[in-house]
Amino acid sequence: MMDLWAAEDISCVHPGWPVLVGRSAVIVSYRDIFLNPQQGIIEARQERVLISAIDARVFCVEEVSGALLMATNWFALQESRWRLIHHQASPLVVDPSRASSSKPAASFH
């Protein structure tokens, strides 16, 4: 998992956690989660990918111990490899199979 993350300027928001900034904090958080014997298997589904010349975003529903999360994974193209720079997962409060996949009427940038 360490090879997936960029070397610097990374961040992560686990469900219910404050933002973690920096490689050390993010890597330690994942190590602790994966070493926890109570941690359920994380299954991803309904992936949606948006790719540009310099970055990519992967959105998916994650199921962990029966709970549904909406996850965002943001990658940057660094030295010809996609490196993860941000992960965020939040509880999903709507049925993902019924959610609209259409584009929003307006976007803010």
N, C-alpha and C. Protein backbone atom coordinates (compact mmCIF):
# COMPACT_ATOMS: atom_id res chain seq x y z
N MET A 1 0.82 -1.19 0.00
CA MET A 1 0.00 0.00 0.00
C MET A 1 0.86 1.26 0.00
N MET A 2 2.03 1.20 0.62
CA MET A 2 2.89 2.38 0.69
C MET A 2 3.30 2.87 -0.69
N ASP A 3 3.49 1.95 -1.63
CA ASP A 3 3.90 2.34 -2.97
C ASP A 3 2.80 3.04 -3.75
N LEU A 4 1.56 2.85 -3.35
CA LEU A 4 0.44 3.48 -4.03
C LEU A 4 0.39 4.99 -3.77
N TRP A 5 0.82 5.40 -2.57
CA TRP A 5 0.73 6.80 -2.17
C TRP A 5 1.89 7.63 -2.72
N ALA A 6 1.61 8.89 -2.99
CA ALA A 6 2.65 9.84 -3.39
C ALA A 6 3.62 10.04 -2.22
N ALA A 7 4.79 10.55 -2.51
CA ALA A 7 5.82 10.72 -1.49
C ALA A 7 5.51 11.87 -0.53
N GLU A 8 4.81 12.88 -1.01
CA GLU A 8 4.53 14.03 -0.14
C GLU A 8 3.22 14.68 -0.53
N ASP A 9 2.79 15.63 0.30
CA ASP A 9 1.56 16.39 0.07
C ASP A 9 0.34 15.48 -0.10
N ILE A 10 0.17 14.53 0.82
CA ILE A 10 -0.99 13.64 0.75
C ILE A 10 -1.90 13.89 1.94
N SER A 11 -3.15 13.44 1.79
CA SER A 11 -4.13 13.62 2.86
C SER A 11 -5.14 12.49 2.83
N CYS A 12 -5.84 12.33 3.95
CA CYS A 12 -6.82 11.26 4.06
C CYS A 12 -7.85 11.63 5.12
N VAL A 13 -9.11 11.29 4.85
CA VAL A 13 -10.17 11.46 5.83
C VAL A 13 -10.91 10.12 5.93
N HIS A 14 -10.64 9.39 7.01
CA HIS A 14 -11.38 8.16 7.30
C HIS A 14 -12.72 8.55 7.91
N PRO A 15 -13.75 7.71 7.78
CA PRO A 15 -15.05 8.05 8.36
C PRO A 15 -14.96 8.36 9.85
N GLY A 16 -15.44 9.54 10.22
CA GLY A 16 -15.44 9.94 11.62
C GLY A 16 -14.12 10.48 12.14
N TRP A 17 -13.11 10.54 11.30
CA TRP A 17 -11.78 11.03 11.72
C TRP A 17 -11.58 12.46 11.23
N PRO A 18 -10.69 13.19 11.88
CA PRO A 18 -10.26 14.48 11.32
C PRO A 18 -9.32 14.22 10.14
N VAL A 19 -9.07 15.26 9.39
CA VAL A 19 -8.17 15.11 8.24
C VAL A 19 -6.76 14.75 8.72
N LEU A 20 -6.15 13.82 8.02
CA LEU A 20 -4.75 13.45 8.24
C LEU A 20 -3.95 14.04 7.09
N VAL A 21 -2.89 14.75 7.40
CA VAL A 21 -2.06 15.37 6.38
C VAL A 21 -0.63 14.89 6.56
N GLY A 22 -0.02 14.50 5.46
CA GLY A 22 1.36 14.04 5.49
C GLY A 22 1.46 12.53 5.38
N ARG A 23 2.50 12.09 4.71
CA ARG A 23 2.68 10.67 4.44
C ARG A 23 2.73 9.83 5.71
N SER A 24 3.46 10.27 6.69
CA SER A 24 3.60 9.47 7.92
C SER A 24 2.25 9.24 8.59
N ALA A 25 1.47 10.30 8.77
CA ALA A 25 0.17 10.18 9.43
C ALA A 25 -0.77 9.26 8.65
N VAL A 26 -0.78 9.39 7.33
CA VAL A 26 -1.67 8.59 6.50
C VAL A 26 -1.26 7.12 6.53
N ILE A 27 0.02 6.84 6.34
CA ILE A 27 0.50 5.46 6.31
C ILE A 27 0.27 4.78 7.66
N VAL A 28 0.56 5.48 8.75
CA VAL A 28 0.33 4.91 10.09
C VAL A 28 -1.15 4.61 10.30
N SER A 29 -2.03 5.48 9.83
CA SER A 29 -3.47 5.24 10.01
C SER A 29 -3.91 3.96 9.30
N TYR A 30 -3.43 3.77 8.06
CA TYR A 30 -3.79 2.55 7.33
C TYR A 30 -3.18 1.32 7.99
N ARG A 31 -1.96 1.43 8.45
CA ARG A 31 -1.33 0.29 9.13
C ARG A 31 -2.17 -0.11 10.34
N ASP A 32 -2.57 0.87 11.13
CA ASP A 32 -3.37 0.58 12.32
C ASP A 32 -4.73 -0.02 11.97
N ILE A 33 -5.36 0.49 10.93
CA ILE A 33 -6.65 -0.05 10.49
C ILE A 33 -6.50 -1.50 10.04
N PHE A 34 -5.51 -1.77 9.19
CA PHE A 34 -5.36 -3.12 8.64
C PHE A 34 -4.85 -4.12 9.67
N LEU A 35 -4.16 -3.67 10.70
CA LEU A 35 -3.69 -4.57 11.75
C LEU A 35 -4.76 -4.84 12.81
N ASN A 36 -5.85 -4.10 12.77
CA ASN A 36 -6.93 -4.28 13.74
C ASN A 36 -7.68 -5.58 13.43
N PRO A 37 -7.68 -6.55 14.34
CA PRO A 37 -8.36 -7.82 14.07
C PRO A 37 -9.87 -7.66 13.92
N GLN A 38 -10.43 -6.56 14.39
CA GLN A 38 -11.87 -6.30 14.27
C GLN A 38 -12.25 -5.72 12.90
N GLN A 39 -11.24 -5.31 12.12
CA GLN A 39 -11.49 -4.66 10.82
C GLN A 39 -12.07 -5.66 9.84
N GLY A 40 -13.22 -5.32 9.27
CA GLY A 40 -13.83 -6.16 8.26
C GLY A 40 -13.17 -5.98 6.91
N ILE A 41 -13.51 -6.85 5.99
CA ILE A 41 -13.01 -6.76 4.62
C ILE A 41 -13.65 -5.54 3.96
N ILE A 42 -12.86 -4.81 3.19
CA ILE A 42 -13.34 -3.64 2.46
C ILE A 42 -13.58 -4.06 1.02
N GLU A 43 -14.84 -3.96 0.59
CA GLU A 43 -15.19 -4.31 -0.79
C GLU A 43 -15.62 -3.05 -1.53
N ALA A 44 -15.05 -2.84 -2.70
CA ALA A 44 -15.39 -1.67 -3.52
C ALA A 44 -16.29 -2.10 -4.67
N ARG A 45 -17.25 -1.24 -5.00
CA ARG A 45 -18.13 -1.50 -6.15
C ARG A 45 -18.64 -0.17 -6.69
N GLN A 46 -19.30 -0.25 -7.82
CA GLN A 46 -19.86 0.93 -8.50
C GLN A 46 -18.79 2.00 -8.72
N GLU A 47 -17.65 1.58 -9.23
CA GLU A 47 -16.56 2.50 -9.47
C GLU A 47 -16.88 3.45 -10.62
N ARG A 48 -16.46 4.67 -10.47
CA ARG A 48 -16.58 5.68 -11.53
C ARG A 48 -15.25 6.41 -11.59
N VAL A 49 -14.70 6.55 -12.78
CA VAL A 49 -13.36 7.12 -12.94
C VAL A 49 -13.42 8.36 -13.82
N LEU A 50 -12.76 9.41 -13.38
CA LEU A 50 -12.58 10.62 -14.18
C LEU A 50 -11.08 10.85 -14.33
N ILE A 51 -10.62 10.95 -15.57
CA ILE A 51 -9.18 11.07 -15.83
C ILE A 51 -8.91 12.32 -16.65
N SER A 52 -7.87 13.05 -16.26
CA SER A 52 -7.37 14.17 -17.06
C SER A 52 -5.90 13.92 -17.34
N ALA A 53 -5.24 14.89 -17.92
CA ALA A 53 -3.82 14.72 -18.26
C ALA A 53 -2.93 14.64 -17.02
N ILE A 54 -3.36 15.23 -15.92
CA ILE A 54 -2.48 15.29 -14.74
C ILE A 54 -3.03 14.61 -13.49
N ASP A 55 -4.35 14.35 -13.48
CA ASP A 55 -4.90 13.69 -12.30
C ASP A 55 -6.07 12.79 -12.67
N ALA A 56 -6.45 11.97 -11.72
CA ALA A 56 -7.59 11.07 -11.90
C ALA A 56 -8.31 10.94 -10.57
N ARG A 57 -9.61 10.77 -10.67
CA ARG A 57 -10.41 10.56 -9.46
C ARG A 57 -11.21 9.28 -9.63
N VAL A 58 -11.23 8.49 -8.59
CA VAL A 58 -12.00 7.26 -8.58
C VAL A 58 -13.01 7.37 -7.45
N PHE A 59 -14.28 7.27 -7.80
CA PHE A 59 -15.36 7.29 -6.82
C PHE A 59 -15.93 5.88 -6.74
N CYS A 60 -16.23 5.42 -5.56
CA CYS A 60 -16.81 4.09 -5.43
C CYS A 60 -17.58 3.98 -4.13
N VAL A 61 -18.41 2.96 -4.08
CA VAL A 61 -19.07 2.59 -2.83
C VAL A 61 -18.20 1.53 -2.19
N GLU A 62 -17.87 1.73 -0.93
CA GLU A 62 -17.12 0.74 -0.16
C GLU A 62 -18.07 0.12 0.86
N GLU A 63 -18.01 -1.20 0.97
CA GLU A 63 -18.77 -1.88 2.01
C GLU A 63 -17.78 -2.43 3.02
N VAL A 64 -17.98 -2.06 4.28
CA VAL A 64 -17.12 -2.51 5.37
C VAL A 64 -18.02 -3.00 6.50
N SER A 65 -17.97 -4.28 6.76
CA SER A 65 -18.78 -4.87 7.84
C SER A 65 -20.26 -4.50 7.73
N GLY A 66 -20.79 -4.48 6.51
CA GLY A 66 -22.19 -4.17 6.29
C GLY A 66 -22.51 -2.70 6.15
N ALA A 67 -21.59 -1.82 6.50
CA ALA A 67 -21.81 -0.38 6.36
C ALA A 67 -21.37 0.07 4.97
N LEU A 68 -22.14 0.98 4.38
CA LEU A 68 -21.80 1.52 3.07
C LEU A 68 -21.15 2.89 3.23
N LEU A 69 -20.06 3.07 2.49
CA LEU A 69 -19.33 4.34 2.49
C LEU A 69 -19.20 4.82 1.06
N MET A 70 -19.20 6.13 0.86
CA MET A 70 -18.89 6.71 -0.44
C MET A 70 -17.45 7.16 -0.37
N ALA A 71 -16.63 6.64 -1.26
CA ALA A 71 -15.19 6.93 -1.20
C ALA A 71 -14.74 7.69 -2.43
N THR A 72 -13.79 8.57 -2.21
CA THR A 72 -13.12 9.29 -3.28
C THR A 72 -11.63 9.03 -3.15
N ASN A 73 -11.01 8.66 -4.25
CA ASN A 73 -9.56 8.47 -4.31
C ASN A 73 -9.04 9.37 -5.41
N TRP A 74 -8.13 10.26 -5.06
CA TRP A 74 -7.60 11.24 -6.01
C TRP A 74 -6.14 10.90 -6.27
N PHE A 75 -5.82 10.73 -7.54
CA PHE A 75 -4.48 10.35 -7.96
C PHE A 75 -3.85 11.48 -8.76
N ALA A 76 -2.54 11.60 -8.67
CA ALA A 76 -1.76 12.54 -9.48
C ALA A 76 -0.77 11.73 -10.31
N LEU A 77 -0.56 12.15 -11.53
CA LEU A 77 0.42 11.50 -12.39
C LEU A 77 1.79 12.05 -12.03
N GLN A 78 2.63 11.20 -11.46
CA GLN A 78 3.96 11.60 -11.01
C GLN A 78 4.99 10.63 -11.56
N GLU A 79 5.92 11.14 -12.33
CA GLU A 79 6.98 10.31 -12.92
C GLU A 79 6.39 9.11 -13.66
N SER A 80 5.37 9.38 -14.46
CA SER A 80 4.69 8.39 -15.31
C SER A 80 3.94 7.31 -14.53
N ARG A 81 3.66 7.55 -13.25
CA ARG A 81 2.89 6.59 -12.45
C ARG A 81 1.77 7.33 -11.71
N TRP A 82 0.63 6.68 -11.60
CA TRP A 82 -0.47 7.25 -10.84
C TRP A 82 -0.21 7.01 -9.36
N ARG A 83 -0.18 8.10 -8.59
CA ARG A 83 0.06 8.03 -7.15
C ARG A 83 -1.13 8.64 -6.41
N LEU A 84 -1.56 7.98 -5.38
CA LEU A 84 -2.68 8.45 -4.58
C LEU A 84 -2.26 9.67 -3.75
N ILE A 85 -3.04 10.74 -3.85
CA ILE A 85 -2.73 11.95 -3.07
C ILE A 85 -3.81 12.26 -2.04
N HIS A 86 -5.01 11.70 -2.22
CA HIS A 86 -6.07 11.94 -1.23
C HIS A 86 -7.08 10.80 -1.28
N HIS A 87 -7.48 10.36 -0.09
CA HIS A 87 -8.57 9.38 0.05
C HIS A 87 -9.54 9.95 1.07
N GLN A 88 -10.82 9.81 0.77
CA GLN A 88 -11.84 10.22 1.73
C GLN A 88 -13.01 9.27 1.62
N ALA A 89 -13.52 8.83 2.76
CA ALA A 89 -14.70 7.97 2.79
C ALA A 89 -15.67 8.50 3.84
N SER A 90 -16.95 8.52 3.48
CA SER A 90 -17.99 9.03 4.37
C SER A 90 -19.17 8.07 4.34
N PRO A 91 -19.92 7.99 5.43
CA PRO A 91 -21.10 7.12 5.44
C PRO A 91 -22.06 7.50 4.32
N LEU A 92 -22.61 6.49 3.69
CA LEU A 92 -23.56 6.69 2.60
C LEU A 92 -24.96 6.58 3.19
N VAL A 93 -25.76 7.62 3.05
CA VAL A 93 -27.09 7.64 3.66
C VAL A 93 -28.22 7.43 2.65
N VAL A 94 -27.87 7.26 1.38
CA VAL A 94 -28.87 6.95 0.35
C VAL A 94 -28.49 5.63 -0.29
N ASP A 95 -29.47 4.97 -0.87
CA ASP A 95 -29.23 3.72 -1.57
C ASP A 95 -28.45 4.02 -2.84
N PRO A 96 -27.21 3.53 -2.98
CA PRO A 96 -26.40 3.87 -4.15
C PRO A 96 -26.98 3.36 -5.46
N SER A 97 -27.80 2.32 -5.41
CA SER A 97 -28.39 1.80 -6.65
C SER A 97 -29.50 2.71 -7.15
N ARG A 98 -30.02 3.58 -6.29
CA ARG A 98 -31.09 4.49 -6.68
C ARG A 98 -30.61 5.91 -6.92
N ALA A 99 -29.35 6.17 -6.61
CA ALA A 99 -28.80 7.51 -6.78
C ALA A 99 -28.67 7.83 -8.26
N SER A 100 -28.89 9.06 -8.60
CA SER A 100 -28.78 9.50 -9.99
C SER A 100 -27.33 9.54 -10.43
N SER A 101 -27.07 9.07 -11.63
CA SER A 101 -25.72 9.15 -12.17
C SER A 101 -25.60 10.29 -13.18
N SER A 102 -26.66 11.09 -13.30
CA SER A 102 -26.61 12.21 -14.24
C SER A 102 -25.74 13.33 -13.68
N LYS A 103 -25.31 14.18 -14.59
CA LYS A 103 -24.47 15.30 -14.19
C LYS A 103 -25.31 16.35 -13.47
N PRO A 104 -24.71 17.06 -12.51
CA PRO A 104 -25.46 18.12 -11.83
C PRO A 104 -25.77 19.26 -12.78
N ALA A 105 -26.79 20.05 -12.44
CA ALA A 105 -27.20 21.16 -13.29
C ALA A 105 -26.11 22.23 -13.39
N ALA A 106 -25.34 22.39 -12.35
CA ALA A 106 -24.27 23.39 -12.35
C ALA A 106 -23.11 22.86 -11.53
N SER A 107 -21.94 23.36 -11.82
CA SER A 107 -20.78 22.97 -11.01
C SER A 107 -20.05 24.23 -10.58
N PHE A 108 -19.40 24.14 -9.45
CA PHE A 108 -18.68 25.27 -8.90
C PHE A 108 -17.20 24.94 -8.88
N HIS A 109 -16.38 25.88 -9.32
CA HIS A 109 -14.93 25.66 -9.34
C HIS A 109 -14.24 26.87 -8.77
